[in-house]
């Protein structure tokens, strides 16, 4: 019976999991299973091809999207940069705050622009596909940056790129520093010294000092730590007195707080005494006409024309203390000039982040703009000198006999420099105050 039952069944293999042979059905069911397997394979292949195609299409779509987004963005940026700041609209909307924006009145800005237009028009600065940047926008960018504005806000308002902004700033600063009408002038001729001395004479109480043509001092301009491959000795730029990285700036001004000289003399660790020798100011002071002087603070050395204040035990002497009091009435003008400069030009409010060589250009441009603003204010007020502005004011007058005698002595006596730390000129100036009966007010 077993042979009979197995004779009617197809040949199969034994299922290892059990003792009975599996029943796979007949031939037709076997062919159907094979077709199902083939169809399953076809579906898998089709799905794989579809997945690859979709991935390829997605990649192409992303590439095209990036391409068109970049193209449209470039076109949008181009349109943005072409939309320059309309200067007339800016002046109209900012007419009440123009002075705060530009550190000068609108009329003064227009006059400064007139002085610089020829130099600024020589530039052909362009951004990608944009029109030429007009001179008024260039001057606007430079002054706003010197006034302490952020380049991000300035370039956004002006409608220019970052690279164009910095090219504009430095080219405008060069134009300011090369303008002869804005040049600083240290008095050298007898006529110039007489005019400056007369202005200081009206500042001095009781005409105590009549031969001062300039007052000078040092100023520390903060900078970022300079790279060693540029300056070599990085530590020399750190001032132990100021406790910051800076450069030593030497400056001199007149009775109206206008700079007669300003320049970077050296790194921050350089003291004022040595800095005066390093820059041209020391030579300019030495070339003053006979009897005319520049007053310094006590950190400087005496010279024939350089008169520092008394210090140490000398200032305890009433004779020397009186001189310091009346000389400080004049010397305060350089401190006032530094205060006005610092308050107006905000680029000095924090460490300057420019190339160390460009610091010199920035300081010189600030000094020139500082003088321009003061000159414009004096012109609007109709003031040419203190002798003009203080006309009619009663002042102390030296007796005619003493004045004529001293004018004769000052014109004929040859003033020489004594031993180190001793100045015959300073002694004679102090003696004049004593003869006039001028003393420091009682405390």
Foldseek 3Di string as FASTA:
>chain_A
DVVVVVVPADDFDADPVDGDRDHQDDPVSVVVVVVVVVVVVVVVVVVVVVVVVVVVVVVVVVVVVVVVVVVVVVVVLLVLLQPFADVVVVCVVCVVPPCVQQVFHPVLLVVVCVLQQVQLVVDQDDDVVHHGQHSSLLSSLQRNVQQPDDNVVSCNNGSHDPVSSVVSNVSVLVSLLPRPVLDAAQDQDPVLQQQLLVQVLLLFALSLDRQENKEKDKDWFAADQADCVVVVPSVQQAAPVVRGRTFIKIWMDTQLLATNDIFGQGHRNDFPQVSCVSDCNVVRQVNHPALHAYEYEPSYWDAQRYHYQDDDPVCVDQLRVFLNVRVVSRNCSNVVSVVVLCNRGVCRVHHNYDHPVCVRSSRSSSSSVSNSRSVVVCVVVVDDGPCVVCPPPDHNDDPPVVVVVVVVCSVPDGFHQDPIRGGPSSSVSSVSCVVVVGGDDDD
